[in-house]
Each structure stands twice: as structure tokens, then as C-alpha cells.
């Protein structure tokens, strides 16, 4: 499914290169137990900022009426737990945004607002792309699955249901890549590593089609 030629849009083409290169780096972790030379720098400078953009898109997309009070409280706790060095400042910004959303929803019976947070339009596009990829993972044909360990299927990886699960999966991608950057990559048999590999594998297979699905 991956397009051989470019899409004609620089940002889309850069993202397609990003998911392909990231999957290749994860392949190296599976084969050799660690990233190749330059791999950590690539993840830190390119892939992780993209995932932070997805998180920003999520915070902008999440309206105060998109989840009930209990789920919003859970999101607050979850975002706070993203404070893993060396990404403190980004996590603090996400936590502050989530806190503002929850306060609007819970304080003094004030009416929910549908105003989007001020974010880059590309962050919303990146979030839409991620949601399409997450929905495609369990439906990926077995012949296309490239994960080298265990069953050649992602059918057991669930599609996120609701804002809390979506936020959790995005956060998991960040956590697993930070582990790789800091030389603490999880074993390939670890479910979180497999889900992370599956995300980039599916995104690579979908190619530009993921953007059509996100439109």
C-alpha cells in the first residue's frame, strides 16, 4: 500500500519518510537489541516531536463535552504521568492544557465549550492520521505484517475507544520511543513495544492512503 512516488505535499511526504525510517529503526532494535548509530538522534529530533504534535492535536480536538467527568479526571492523571525525562516541559504544557479542559467541564456548572485550543492545523492533521492508523492496525492483512516475533497478525491490538484510550495509546508511543532513545528499549515480546512497532508498520503500509482516510 505504500506509495512509491511522493504525495506532492511536503509535510505529508516528510511524515511518510518518518514512519518508514522509524519502523526501520525498530527493526534494528528487534534484530540487534539496540538502535544503530544516529538512530537515537533521529527519534529524538524527528519522531518524538511529531508525537508531541499529535498530543497537541489531541488536546485541541478534545472538547469539554467529548468525555464525562470521570474520564476527564483520568486524562488529567494520565497526562501528568507523561513527565519522563528529558521531556518535562512538553509534558507540563500538555498537563496544563488538559487541566484547563477539565476545569471548564467541571467548575460551577458552566456550559461546555466547543472552542478548539489554539494549535497548529498540522497537529490536527497528524492526529487524524494517527487515528486512521490506529483503526487500521487490527485489520492489517497478515501477509503485510512485518513484526518478526510471534504471530503474523495485529488482530489482537484493539482500536482505542474514547478519548482516554486514544490519549493512552499516543502516550505509549512516546514512552516506548523514549526508552529506545535512552538505551532502555523494551524486549520485542513486550506488548507495548509490539503495539508501537505495529503503529509504524501500519502507517508505513497505508502510505498516503492514511491521509485520505483522515480527511
N, C-alpha and C. Protein backbone atom coordinates (compact mmCIF):
# COMPACT_ATOMS: atom_id res chain seq x y z
N UNK A 1 0.80 -1.21 0.00
CA UNK A 1 0.00 0.00 0.00
C UNK A 1 0.84 1.27 0.00
N UNK A 2 2.10 1.18 0.39
CA UNK A 2 2.94 2.35 0.45
C UNK A 2 3.15 2.93 -0.94
N UNK A 3 2.98 4.25 -1.07
CA UNK A 3 3.18 4.89 -2.35
C UNK A 3 4.65 4.94 -2.70
N UNK A 4 4.97 4.61 -3.96
CA UNK A 4 6.35 4.67 -4.41
C UNK A 4 6.74 6.12 -4.65
N UNK A 5 5.84 6.90 -5.27
CA UNK A 5 6.13 8.29 -5.53
C UNK A 5 5.60 9.14 -4.39
N UNK A 6 6.07 10.40 -4.33
CA UNK A 6 5.63 11.29 -3.28
C UNK A 6 4.20 11.73 -3.48
N UNK A 7 3.63 12.30 -2.44
CA UNK A 7 2.24 12.75 -2.48
C UNK A 7 2.11 14.11 -3.15
N UNK A 8 3.20 14.85 -3.26
CA UNK A 8 3.13 16.20 -3.78
C UNK A 8 3.00 17.25 -2.69
N UNK A 9 2.86 16.82 -1.45
CA UNK A 9 2.75 17.72 -0.31
C UNK A 9 3.94 17.45 0.61
N UNK A 10 4.74 18.49 0.85
CA UNK A 10 5.98 18.28 1.59
C UNK A 10 5.77 17.70 2.98
N UNK A 11 4.77 18.23 3.72
CA UNK A 11 4.56 17.74 5.08
C UNK A 11 4.13 16.28 5.07
N UNK A 12 3.26 15.91 4.13
CA UNK A 12 2.84 14.51 4.04
C UNK A 12 4.02 13.62 3.69
N UNK A 13 4.83 14.06 2.73
CA UNK A 13 5.98 13.25 2.33
C UNK A 13 6.96 13.08 3.48
N UNK A 14 7.16 14.15 4.26
CA UNK A 14 8.06 14.04 5.40
C UNK A 14 7.53 13.04 6.42
N UNK A 15 6.21 13.04 6.62
CA UNK A 15 5.63 12.10 7.57
C UNK A 15 5.77 10.66 7.08
N UNK A 16 5.56 10.45 5.79
CA UNK A 16 5.73 9.10 5.25
C UNK A 16 7.18 8.63 5.40
N UNK A 17 8.12 9.53 5.18
CA UNK A 17 9.53 9.18 5.42
C UNK A 17 9.77 8.88 6.90
N UNK A 18 9.13 9.66 7.77
CA UNK A 18 9.30 9.49 9.21
C UNK A 18 8.83 8.11 9.67
N UNK A 19 7.63 7.71 9.24
CA UNK A 19 7.11 6.42 9.73
C UNK A 19 7.93 5.26 9.17
N UNK A 20 8.39 5.41 7.93
CA UNK A 20 9.21 4.34 7.35
C UNK A 20 10.55 4.22 8.07
N UNK A 21 11.20 5.36 8.29
CA UNK A 21 12.50 5.33 8.97
C UNK A 21 12.37 4.85 10.40
N UNK A 22 11.31 5.26 11.09
CA UNK A 22 11.11 4.82 12.47
C UNK A 22 10.88 3.32 12.53
N UNK A 23 10.10 2.79 11.60
CA UNK A 23 9.89 1.34 11.59
C UNK A 23 11.21 0.61 11.35
N UNK A 24 12.03 1.14 10.46
CA UNK A 24 13.33 0.52 10.20
C UNK A 24 14.21 0.53 11.46
N UNK A 25 14.15 1.62 12.22
CA UNK A 25 14.92 1.67 13.46
C UNK A 25 14.40 0.67 14.48
N UNK A 26 13.08 0.50 14.54
CA UNK A 26 12.52 -0.51 15.44
C UNK A 26 12.91 -1.91 14.99
N UNK A 27 13.01 -2.12 13.68
CA UNK A 27 13.51 -3.41 13.18
C UNK A 27 14.92 -3.69 13.71
N UNK A 28 15.75 -2.67 13.73
CA UNK A 28 17.11 -2.84 14.22
C UNK A 28 17.12 -3.21 15.70
N UNK A 29 16.22 -2.60 16.47
CA UNK A 29 16.12 -2.96 17.89
C UNK A 29 15.76 -4.43 18.03
N UNK A 30 14.80 -4.90 17.22
CA UNK A 30 14.40 -6.31 17.27
C UNK A 30 15.58 -7.22 16.92
N UNK A 31 16.32 -6.85 15.88
CA UNK A 31 17.40 -7.71 15.39
C UNK A 31 18.66 -7.64 16.25
N UNK A 32 18.99 -6.44 16.75
CA UNK A 32 20.28 -6.24 17.41
C UNK A 32 20.17 -5.82 18.87
N UNK A 33 18.96 -5.54 19.33
CA UNK A 33 18.77 -5.17 20.72
C UNK A 33 19.02 -3.72 21.04
N UNK A 34 19.39 -2.92 20.04
CA UNK A 34 19.66 -1.51 20.27
C UNK A 34 19.57 -0.75 18.96
N UNK A 35 19.53 0.57 19.07
CA UNK A 35 19.46 1.41 17.89
C UNK A 35 20.82 1.49 17.20
N UNK A 36 20.82 1.70 15.88
CA UNK A 36 22.10 1.89 15.18
C UNK A 36 22.64 3.29 15.46
N UNK A 37 23.84 3.54 15.01
CA UNK A 37 24.43 4.87 15.17
C UNK A 37 23.55 5.92 14.49
N UNK A 38 23.24 6.97 15.21
CA UNK A 38 22.38 8.02 14.68
C UNK A 38 20.91 7.77 14.89
N UNK A 39 20.54 6.56 15.29
CA UNK A 39 19.13 6.23 15.45
C UNK A 39 18.47 7.00 16.58
N UNK A 40 19.14 7.08 17.72
CA UNK A 40 18.57 7.81 18.86
C UNK A 40 18.39 9.28 18.52
N UNK A 41 19.37 9.85 17.83
CA UNK A 41 19.28 11.26 17.45
C UNK A 41 18.10 11.50 16.52
N UNK A 42 17.85 10.55 15.60
CA UNK A 42 16.73 10.70 14.68
C UNK A 42 15.40 10.66 15.44
N UNK A 43 15.25 9.68 16.32
CA UNK A 43 14.00 9.58 17.07
C UNK A 43 13.76 10.83 17.91
N UNK A 44 14.82 11.32 18.55
CA UNK A 44 14.67 12.48 19.43
C UNK A 44 14.39 13.75 18.65
N UNK A 45 15.00 13.89 17.49
CA UNK A 45 14.86 15.14 16.73
C UNK A 45 13.69 15.14 15.77
N UNK A 46 13.20 13.97 15.38
CA UNK A 46 12.19 13.90 14.33
C UNK A 46 10.92 13.19 14.78
N UNK A 47 11.03 11.94 15.24
CA UNK A 47 9.83 11.17 15.55
C UNK A 47 9.14 11.67 16.81
N UNK A 48 9.89 11.89 17.88
CA UNK A 48 9.26 12.32 19.13
C UNK A 48 8.61 13.70 19.02
N UNK A 49 9.21 14.68 18.34
CA UNK A 49 8.48 15.94 18.15
C UNK A 49 7.17 15.75 17.38
N UNK A 50 7.15 14.81 16.43
CA UNK A 50 5.90 14.52 15.72
C UNK A 50 4.85 13.97 16.68
N UNK A 51 5.25 13.06 17.56
CA UNK A 51 4.30 12.52 18.53
C UNK A 51 3.82 13.60 19.49
N UNK A 52 4.69 14.52 19.87
CA UNK A 52 4.26 15.64 20.70
C UNK A 52 3.24 16.49 19.95
N UNK A 53 3.41 16.63 18.63
CA UNK A 53 2.43 17.34 17.83
C UNK A 53 1.09 16.63 17.82
N UNK A 54 1.11 15.29 17.77
CA UNK A 54 -0.14 14.54 17.85
C UNK A 54 -0.82 14.80 19.19
N UNK A 55 -0.04 14.81 20.27
CA UNK A 55 -0.62 15.11 21.58
C UNK A 55 -1.22 16.51 21.59
N UNK A 56 -0.56 17.47 21.00
CA UNK A 56 -1.11 18.82 20.92
C UNK A 56 -2.40 18.83 20.12
N UNK A 57 -2.41 18.08 19.02
CA UNK A 57 -3.64 17.97 18.24
C UNK A 57 -4.76 17.34 19.03
N UNK A 58 -4.43 16.34 19.84
CA UNK A 58 -5.44 15.69 20.68
C UNK A 58 -6.03 16.68 21.67
N UNK A 59 -5.16 17.47 22.32
CA UNK A 59 -5.65 18.43 23.30
C UNK A 59 -6.52 19.49 22.64
N UNK A 60 -6.19 19.88 21.41
CA UNK A 60 -7.02 20.84 20.71
C UNK A 60 -8.33 20.25 20.23
N UNK A 61 -8.30 18.98 19.85
CA UNK A 61 -9.51 18.30 19.36
C UNK A 61 -10.48 17.99 20.48
N UNK A 62 -9.95 17.72 21.67
CA UNK A 62 -10.79 17.28 22.78
C UNK A 62 -11.65 18.43 23.28
N UNK A 63 -12.91 18.39 23.01
CA UNK A 63 -13.83 19.37 23.54
C UNK A 63 -14.23 18.96 24.94
N UNK A 64 -14.68 19.92 25.72
CA UNK A 64 -15.02 19.62 27.11
C UNK A 64 -16.21 18.68 27.21
N UNK A 65 -17.00 18.55 26.14
CA UNK A 65 -18.15 17.64 26.19
C UNK A 65 -17.85 16.32 25.49
N UNK A 66 -16.56 16.06 25.16
CA UNK A 66 -16.19 14.83 24.48
C UNK A 66 -16.06 13.65 25.43
N UNK A 67 -16.01 13.91 26.72
CA UNK A 67 -15.86 12.85 27.71
C UNK A 67 -16.58 13.26 28.98
N UNK A 68 -16.96 12.25 29.77
CA UNK A 68 -17.63 12.58 31.02
C UNK A 68 -16.61 13.00 32.07
N UNK A 69 -17.11 13.41 33.25
CA UNK A 69 -16.23 13.95 34.28
C UNK A 69 -15.18 12.94 34.73
N UNK A 70 -15.59 11.67 34.89
CA UNK A 70 -14.65 10.65 35.35
C UNK A 70 -13.53 10.45 34.34
N UNK A 71 -13.88 10.45 33.05
CA UNK A 71 -12.86 10.25 32.03
C UNK A 71 -11.91 11.44 31.97
N UNK A 72 -12.44 12.66 32.15
CA UNK A 72 -11.58 13.83 32.15
C UNK A 72 -10.61 13.80 33.33
N UNK A 73 -11.10 13.37 34.50
CA UNK A 73 -10.20 13.25 35.65
C UNK A 73 -9.09 12.24 35.35
N UNK A 74 -9.48 11.12 34.71
CA UNK A 74 -8.49 10.12 34.34
C UNK A 74 -7.46 10.71 33.38
N UNK A 75 -7.91 11.51 32.41
CA UNK A 75 -7.00 12.13 31.47
C UNK A 75 -6.01 13.04 32.17
N UNK A 76 -6.48 13.77 33.17
CA UNK A 76 -5.57 14.63 33.93
C UNK A 76 -4.46 13.82 34.59
N UNK A 77 -4.85 12.71 35.22
CA UNK A 77 -3.85 11.87 35.88
C UNK A 77 -2.89 11.27 34.86
N UNK A 78 -3.45 10.85 33.73
CA UNK A 78 -2.63 10.21 32.71
C UNK A 78 -1.62 11.18 32.11
N UNK A 79 -2.06 12.38 31.78
CA UNK A 79 -1.16 13.36 31.19
C UNK A 79 -0.06 13.72 32.17
N UNK A 80 -0.40 13.82 33.46
CA UNK A 80 0.62 14.14 34.46
C UNK A 80 1.70 13.07 34.52
N UNK A 81 1.34 11.82 34.24
CA UNK A 81 2.29 10.72 34.30
C UNK A 81 3.24 10.69 33.10
N UNK A 82 3.03 11.58 32.13
CA UNK A 82 3.90 11.61 30.96
C UNK A 82 5.21 12.34 31.22
N UNK A 83 5.43 12.78 32.45
CA UNK A 83 6.61 13.59 32.75
C UNK A 83 7.85 12.71 32.89
N UNK A 84 8.34 12.24 31.77
CA UNK A 84 9.51 11.36 31.72
C UNK A 84 10.68 12.16 31.17
N UNK A 85 11.82 12.25 31.87
CA UNK A 85 12.97 13.00 31.34
C UNK A 85 13.39 12.42 30.00
N UNK A 86 13.83 13.30 29.07
CA UNK A 86 14.03 14.74 29.23
C UNK A 86 12.91 15.58 28.66
N UNK A 87 11.68 15.15 28.75
CA UNK A 87 10.56 15.84 28.11
C UNK A 87 9.67 16.55 29.10
N UNK A 88 10.22 17.07 30.19
CA UNK A 88 9.40 17.69 31.22
C UNK A 88 8.56 18.83 30.68
N UNK A 89 9.16 19.75 29.96
CA UNK A 89 8.44 20.95 29.56
C UNK A 89 7.26 20.62 28.66
N UNK A 90 7.43 19.69 27.73
CA UNK A 90 6.32 19.32 26.85
C UNK A 90 5.20 18.68 27.65
N UNK A 91 5.54 17.80 28.60
CA UNK A 91 4.52 17.16 29.42
C UNK A 91 3.79 18.18 30.27
N UNK A 92 4.51 19.15 30.81
CA UNK A 92 3.87 20.17 31.62
C UNK A 92 2.89 20.99 30.80
N UNK A 93 3.24 21.28 29.56
CA UNK A 93 2.31 22.01 28.71
C UNK A 93 1.06 21.19 28.45
N UNK A 94 1.23 19.88 28.19
CA UNK A 94 0.06 19.03 27.95
C UNK A 94 -0.80 18.95 29.20
N UNK A 95 -0.17 18.81 30.36
CA UNK A 95 -0.93 18.74 31.60
C UNK A 95 -1.72 20.01 31.84
N UNK A 96 -1.11 21.16 31.56
CA UNK A 96 -1.80 22.43 31.77
C UNK A 96 -3.01 22.55 30.85
N UNK A 97 -2.84 22.11 29.60
CA UNK A 97 -3.95 22.17 28.66
C UNK A 97 -5.08 21.25 29.09
N UNK A 98 -4.73 20.04 29.54
CA UNK A 98 -5.75 19.09 29.99
C UNK A 98 -6.47 19.61 31.22
N UNK A 99 -5.71 20.25 32.12
CA UNK A 99 -6.32 20.79 33.33
C UNK A 99 -7.32 21.88 32.98
N UNK A 100 -6.97 22.72 32.02
CA UNK A 100 -7.90 23.78 31.61
C UNK A 100 -9.18 23.19 31.04
N UNK A 101 -9.05 22.13 30.23
CA UNK A 101 -10.23 21.48 29.66
C UNK A 101 -11.12 20.93 30.76
N UNK A 102 -10.51 20.23 31.72
CA UNK A 102 -11.29 19.64 32.79
C UNK A 102 -11.97 20.70 33.65
N UNK A 103 -11.26 21.78 33.93
CA UNK A 103 -11.84 22.83 34.76
C UNK A 103 -13.05 23.46 34.08
N UNK A 104 -12.98 23.64 32.78
CA UNK A 104 -14.14 24.20 32.07
C UNK A 104 -15.34 23.27 32.17
N UNK A 105 -15.05 21.96 32.18
CA UNK A 105 -16.13 20.97 32.20
C UNK A 105 -16.73 20.81 33.59
N UNK A 106 -15.93 20.96 34.62
CA UNK A 106 -16.36 20.59 35.96
C UNK A 106 -16.71 21.77 36.86
N UNK A 107 -16.21 22.94 36.57
CA UNK A 107 -16.34 24.04 37.53
C UNK A 107 -17.68 24.74 37.41
N UNK A 108 -18.38 24.86 38.53
CA UNK A 108 -19.54 25.74 38.68
C UNK A 108 -20.64 25.50 37.68
N UNK A 109 -20.71 24.32 37.14
CA UNK A 109 -21.79 24.01 36.21
C UNK A 109 -21.74 24.83 34.94
N UNK A 110 -20.60 25.35 34.61
CA UNK A 110 -20.50 26.18 33.41
C UNK A 110 -20.76 25.35 32.17
N UNK A 111 -21.31 25.99 31.14
CA UNK A 111 -21.69 25.28 29.93
C UNK A 111 -20.46 24.79 29.20
N UNK A 112 -20.51 23.58 28.62
CA UNK A 112 -19.37 23.09 27.85
C UNK A 112 -19.08 24.01 26.68
N UNK A 113 -17.85 24.08 26.31
CA UNK A 113 -17.46 24.89 25.16
C UNK A 113 -16.89 24.00 24.08
N UNK A 114 -17.13 24.36 22.83
CA UNK A 114 -16.60 23.57 21.72
C UNK A 114 -15.43 24.28 21.05
N UNK A 115 -14.91 25.33 21.68
CA UNK A 115 -13.80 26.08 21.09
C UNK A 115 -12.53 25.24 21.13
N UNK A 116 -11.89 25.14 19.98
CA UNK A 116 -10.64 24.39 19.91
C UNK A 116 -9.52 25.21 20.50
N UNK A 117 -8.60 24.54 21.14
CA UNK A 117 -7.41 25.22 21.63
C UNK A 117 -6.62 25.76 20.44
N UNK A 118 -5.81 26.76 20.70
CA UNK A 118 -5.00 27.35 19.65
C UNK A 118 -3.82 26.43 19.37
N UNK A 119 -3.91 25.72 18.26
CA UNK A 119 -2.86 24.77 17.90
C UNK A 119 -2.58 24.90 16.42
N UNK A 120 -1.48 24.32 15.99
CA UNK A 120 -1.14 24.31 14.58
C UNK A 120 -2.11 23.40 13.82
N UNK A 121 -2.62 23.84 12.65
CA UNK A 121 -3.51 22.97 11.87
C UNK A 121 -2.87 21.62 11.56
N UNK A 122 -1.54 21.61 11.36
CA UNK A 122 -0.89 20.34 11.05
C UNK A 122 -1.01 19.35 12.20
N UNK A 123 -1.07 19.84 13.44
CA UNK A 123 -1.22 18.95 14.58
C UNK A 123 -2.54 18.20 14.52
N UNK A 124 -3.60 18.87 14.08
CA UNK A 124 -4.88 18.19 13.91
C UNK A 124 -4.80 17.17 12.78
N UNK A 125 -4.10 17.52 11.70
CA UNK A 125 -3.92 16.56 10.61
C UNK A 125 -3.12 15.35 11.08
N UNK A 126 -2.09 15.59 11.90
CA UNK A 126 -1.28 14.49 12.42
C UNK A 126 -2.11 13.60 13.33
N UNK A 127 -2.98 14.21 14.14
CA UNK A 127 -3.87 13.41 14.99
C UNK A 127 -4.82 12.58 14.13
N UNK A 128 -5.41 13.20 13.10
CA UNK A 128 -6.30 12.44 12.22
C UNK A 128 -5.59 11.28 11.57
N UNK A 129 -4.36 11.49 11.13
CA UNK A 129 -3.56 10.41 10.55
C UNK A 129 -3.35 9.29 11.57
N UNK A 130 -3.00 9.66 12.81
CA UNK A 130 -2.76 8.65 13.84
C UNK A 130 -4.02 7.84 14.13
N UNK A 131 -5.18 8.48 14.15
CA UNK A 131 -6.43 7.77 14.43
C UNK A 131 -6.74 6.77 13.32
N UNK A 132 -6.49 7.16 12.07
CA UNK A 132 -6.70 6.23 10.96
C UNK A 132 -5.77 5.03 11.09
N UNK A 133 -4.52 5.29 11.42
CA UNK A 133 -3.54 4.21 11.57
C UNK A 133 -3.94 3.27 12.70
N UNK A 134 -4.33 3.83 13.84
CA UNK A 134 -4.73 3.00 14.98
C UNK A 134 -5.94 2.14 14.65
N UNK A 135 -6.85 2.67 13.84
CA UNK A 135 -8.02 1.88 13.45
C UNK A 135 -7.66 0.78 12.46
N UNK A 136 -6.60 1.00 11.67
CA UNK A 136 -6.20 0.03 10.65
C UNK A 136 -5.38 -1.12 11.22
N UNK A 137 -4.67 -0.89 12.31
CA UNK A 137 -3.73 -1.89 12.83
C UNK A 137 -4.35 -3.28 12.94
N UNK A 138 -5.49 -3.47 13.64
CA UNK A 138 -6.01 -4.84 13.78
C UNK A 138 -6.57 -5.42 12.49
N UNK A 139 -6.79 -4.59 11.48
CA UNK A 139 -7.33 -5.08 10.20
C UNK A 139 -6.24 -5.31 9.16
N UNK A 140 -5.01 -5.09 9.54
CA UNK A 140 -3.91 -5.22 8.60
C UNK A 140 -3.77 -6.67 8.13
N UNK A 141 -3.73 -6.93 6.82
CA UNK A 141 -3.61 -8.30 6.33
C UNK A 141 -2.36 -8.98 6.88
N UNK A 142 -2.50 -10.25 7.20
CA UNK A 142 -1.38 -10.98 7.81
C UNK A 142 -0.14 -10.97 6.92
N UNK A 143 -0.33 -11.01 5.61
CA UNK A 143 0.82 -11.01 4.70
C UNK A 143 1.58 -9.69 4.74
N UNK A 144 0.93 -8.63 5.23
CA UNK A 144 1.59 -7.33 5.30
C UNK A 144 2.28 -7.08 6.63
N UNK A 145 1.98 -7.88 7.64
CA UNK A 145 2.55 -7.67 8.97
C UNK A 145 4.04 -8.01 8.94
N UNK A 146 4.86 -7.07 9.41
CA UNK A 146 6.31 -7.28 9.37
C UNK A 146 6.92 -7.52 10.74
N UNK A 147 6.10 -7.55 11.79
CA UNK A 147 6.65 -7.79 13.12
C UNK A 147 7.27 -9.19 13.14
N UNK A 148 8.55 -9.30 13.49
CA UNK A 148 9.26 -10.56 13.28
C UNK A 148 9.08 -11.61 14.36
N UNK A 149 8.40 -11.30 15.44
CA UNK A 149 8.27 -12.26 16.54
C UNK A 149 6.80 -12.62 16.74
N UNK A 150 6.55 -13.89 17.06
CA UNK A 150 5.19 -14.32 17.36
C UNK A 150 4.32 -14.43 16.12
N UNK A 151 3.01 -14.30 16.32
CA UNK A 151 2.05 -14.46 15.23
C UNK A 151 2.14 -13.29 14.27
N UNK A 152 1.93 -13.58 12.99
CA UNK A 152 1.95 -12.55 11.96
C UNK A 152 0.56 -11.92 11.85
N UNK A 153 0.15 -11.26 12.91
CA UNK A 153 -1.15 -10.59 12.92
C UNK A 153 -1.15 -9.53 14.01
N UNK A 154 -1.94 -8.49 13.77
CA UNK A 154 -2.18 -7.48 14.79
C UNK A 154 -3.65 -7.48 15.22
N UNK A 155 -4.36 -8.57 14.90
CA UNK A 155 -5.80 -8.61 15.15
C UNK A 155 -6.14 -8.44 16.62
N UNK A 156 -5.21 -8.76 17.51
CA UNK A 156 -5.48 -8.66 18.94
C UNK A 156 -5.22 -7.26 19.50
N UNK A 157 -4.71 -6.35 18.70
CA UNK A 157 -4.43 -4.99 19.17
C UNK A 157 -5.70 -4.17 18.99
N UNK A 158 -6.33 -3.72 20.06
CA UNK A 158 -7.64 -3.07 19.94
C UNK A 158 -7.54 -1.64 19.42
N UNK A 159 -8.61 -1.21 18.78
CA UNK A 159 -8.74 0.19 18.39
C UNK A 159 -9.13 1.00 19.63
N UNK A 160 -8.49 2.13 19.90
CA UNK A 160 -8.86 2.92 21.08
C UNK A 160 -10.32 3.35 21.04
N UNK A 161 -10.97 3.23 22.18
CA UNK A 161 -12.37 3.64 22.30
C UNK A 161 -12.43 4.80 23.29
N UNK A 162 -12.77 5.96 22.80
CA UNK A 162 -12.90 7.11 23.67
C UNK A 162 -11.61 7.89 23.83
N UNK A 163 -11.71 9.13 24.31
CA UNK A 163 -10.54 9.99 24.44
C UNK A 163 -9.46 9.44 25.35
N UNK A 164 -9.84 8.81 26.46
CA UNK A 164 -8.83 8.32 27.41
C UNK A 164 -7.96 7.24 26.77
N UNK A 165 -8.58 6.28 26.08
CA UNK A 165 -7.80 5.22 25.44
C UNK A 165 -6.93 5.79 24.32
N UNK A 166 -7.47 6.75 23.56
CA UNK A 166 -6.67 7.36 22.49
C UNK A 166 -5.46 8.07 23.07
N UNK A 167 -5.67 8.86 24.13
CA UNK A 167 -4.56 9.54 24.77
C UNK A 167 -3.53 8.55 25.30
N UNK A 168 -4.02 7.45 25.87
CA UNK A 168 -3.12 6.44 26.41
C UNK A 168 -2.24 5.81 25.35
N UNK A 169 -2.81 5.55 24.17
CA UNK A 169 -2.03 4.94 23.09
C UNK A 169 -0.98 5.91 22.55
N UNK A 170 -1.35 7.18 22.43
CA UNK A 170 -0.38 8.18 21.97
C UNK A 170 0.76 8.29 22.98
N UNK A 171 0.40 8.33 24.27
CA UNK A 171 1.42 8.43 25.31
C UNK A 171 2.32 7.20 25.31
N UNK A 172 1.75 6.03 25.03
CA UNK A 172 2.55 4.81 24.99
C UNK A 172 3.59 4.87 23.88
N UNK A 173 3.21 5.41 22.72
CA UNK A 173 4.18 5.57 21.64
C UNK A 173 5.36 6.41 22.09
N UNK A 174 5.06 7.52 22.76
CA UNK A 174 6.14 8.38 23.26
C UNK A 174 7.03 7.65 24.26
N UNK A 175 6.40 6.94 25.19
CA UNK A 175 7.17 6.24 26.22
C UNK A 175 8.12 5.22 25.62
N UNK A 176 7.61 4.42 24.68
CA UNK A 176 8.43 3.36 24.10
C UNK A 176 9.60 3.93 23.31
N UNK A 177 9.37 5.02 22.61
CA UNK A 177 10.47 5.61 21.85
C UNK A 177 11.48 6.29 22.76
N UNK A 178 11.01 6.91 23.87
CA UNK A 178 11.97 7.48 24.82
C UNK A 178 12.84 6.38 25.43
N UNK A 179 12.24 5.23 25.70
CA UNK A 179 13.03 4.10 26.20
C UNK A 179 14.13 3.74 25.21
N UNK A 180 13.76 3.70 23.93
CA UNK A 180 14.75 3.36 22.90
C UNK A 180 15.85 4.41 22.83
N UNK A 181 15.47 5.68 22.89
CA UNK A 181 16.44 6.77 22.82
C UNK A 181 17.43 6.70 23.96
N UNK A 182 16.96 6.33 25.15
CA UNK A 182 17.82 6.29 26.34
C UNK A 182 18.46 4.93 26.56
N UNK A 183 18.41 4.05 25.55
CA UNK A 183 19.06 2.76 25.65
C UNK A 183 18.35 1.75 26.51
N UNK A 184 17.05 1.95 26.74
CA UNK A 184 16.28 1.04 27.59
C UNK A 184 15.11 0.43 26.82
N UNK A 185 15.30 0.18 25.54
CA UNK A 185 14.21 -0.33 24.71
C UNK A 185 13.66 -1.63 25.28
N UNK A 186 12.33 -1.76 25.25
CA UNK A 186 11.69 -2.98 25.74
C UNK A 186 12.01 -4.15 24.82
N UNK A 187 11.87 -5.35 25.35
CA UNK A 187 12.07 -6.55 24.55
C UNK A 187 10.96 -6.65 23.50
N UNK A 188 11.25 -7.25 22.34
CA UNK A 188 10.23 -7.37 21.30
C UNK A 188 8.97 -8.08 21.75
N UNK A 189 9.08 -8.96 22.76
CA UNK A 189 7.88 -9.67 23.23
C UNK A 189 7.01 -8.79 24.11
N UNK A 190 7.49 -7.62 24.51
CA UNK A 190 6.71 -6.71 25.34
C UNK A 190 5.52 -6.19 24.54
N UNK A 191 4.29 -6.31 25.06
CA UNK A 191 3.11 -5.87 24.30
C UNK A 191 3.16 -4.41 23.87
N UNK A 192 3.69 -3.53 24.74
CA UNK A 192 3.74 -2.11 24.39
C UNK A 192 4.69 -1.87 23.22
N UNK A 193 5.83 -2.58 23.20
CA UNK A 193 6.75 -2.44 22.08
C UNK A 193 6.09 -2.95 20.80
N UNK A 194 5.38 -4.07 20.89
CA UNK A 194 4.71 -4.62 19.71
C UNK A 194 3.65 -3.66 19.18
N UNK A 195 2.88 -3.04 20.08
CA UNK A 195 1.88 -2.07 19.63
C UNK A 195 2.55 -0.86 18.96
N UNK A 196 3.69 -0.45 19.51
CA UNK A 196 4.41 0.67 18.92
C UNK A 196 4.94 0.31 17.54
N UNK A 197 5.55 -0.86 17.43
CA UNK A 197 6.01 -1.33 16.12
C UNK A 197 4.84 -1.40 15.15
N UNK A 198 3.72 -1.96 15.62
CA UNK A 198 2.54 -2.10 14.77
C UNK A 198 2.04 -0.77 14.24
N UNK A 199 2.13 0.27 15.08
CA UNK A 199 1.68 1.59 14.64
C UNK A 199 2.50 2.07 13.44
N UNK A 200 3.81 1.99 13.54
CA UNK A 200 4.65 2.48 12.46
C UNK A 200 4.63 1.53 11.26
N UNK A 201 4.45 0.25 11.51
CA UNK A 201 4.30 -0.71 10.42
C UNK A 201 3.04 -0.40 9.62
N UNK A 202 1.92 -0.21 10.33
CA UNK A 202 0.65 0.09 9.67
C UNK A 202 0.71 1.43 8.94
N UNK A 203 1.32 2.43 9.57
CA UNK A 203 1.42 3.75 8.93
C UNK A 203 2.24 3.66 7.65
N UNK A 204 3.30 2.87 7.68
CA UNK A 204 4.15 2.69 6.50
C UNK A 204 3.38 1.98 5.40
N UNK A 205 2.62 0.95 5.76
CA UNK A 205 1.84 0.21 4.77
C UNK A 205 0.75 1.06 4.15
N UNK A 206 0.09 1.88 4.98
CA UNK A 206 -1.01 2.71 4.47
C UNK A 206 -0.51 3.78 3.52
N UNK A 207 0.68 4.33 3.80
CA UNK A 207 1.20 5.38 2.96
C UNK A 207 0.28 6.58 2.91
N UNK A 208 0.16 7.19 1.74
CA UNK A 208 -0.67 8.39 1.60
C UNK A 208 -2.14 8.08 1.80
N UNK A 209 -2.55 6.81 1.67
CA UNK A 209 -3.94 6.46 1.88
C UNK A 209 -4.45 6.80 3.26
N UNK A 210 -3.56 6.85 4.25
CA UNK A 210 -3.97 7.22 5.60
C UNK A 210 -4.47 8.65 5.65
N UNK A 211 -3.92 9.53 4.82
CA UNK A 211 -4.38 10.91 4.81
C UNK A 211 -5.75 11.02 4.15
N UNK A 212 -6.00 10.20 3.14
CA UNK A 212 -7.33 10.21 2.54
C UNK A 212 -8.36 9.74 3.56
N UNK A 213 -7.98 8.74 4.38
CA UNK A 213 -8.90 8.27 5.41
C UNK A 213 -9.13 9.27 6.50
N UNK A 214 -8.15 10.14 6.74
CA UNK A 214 -8.26 11.13 7.81
C UNK A 214 -9.03 12.36 7.37
N UNK A 215 -9.27 12.50 6.08
CA UNK A 215 -9.92 13.71 5.58
C UNK A 215 -11.37 13.76 6.00
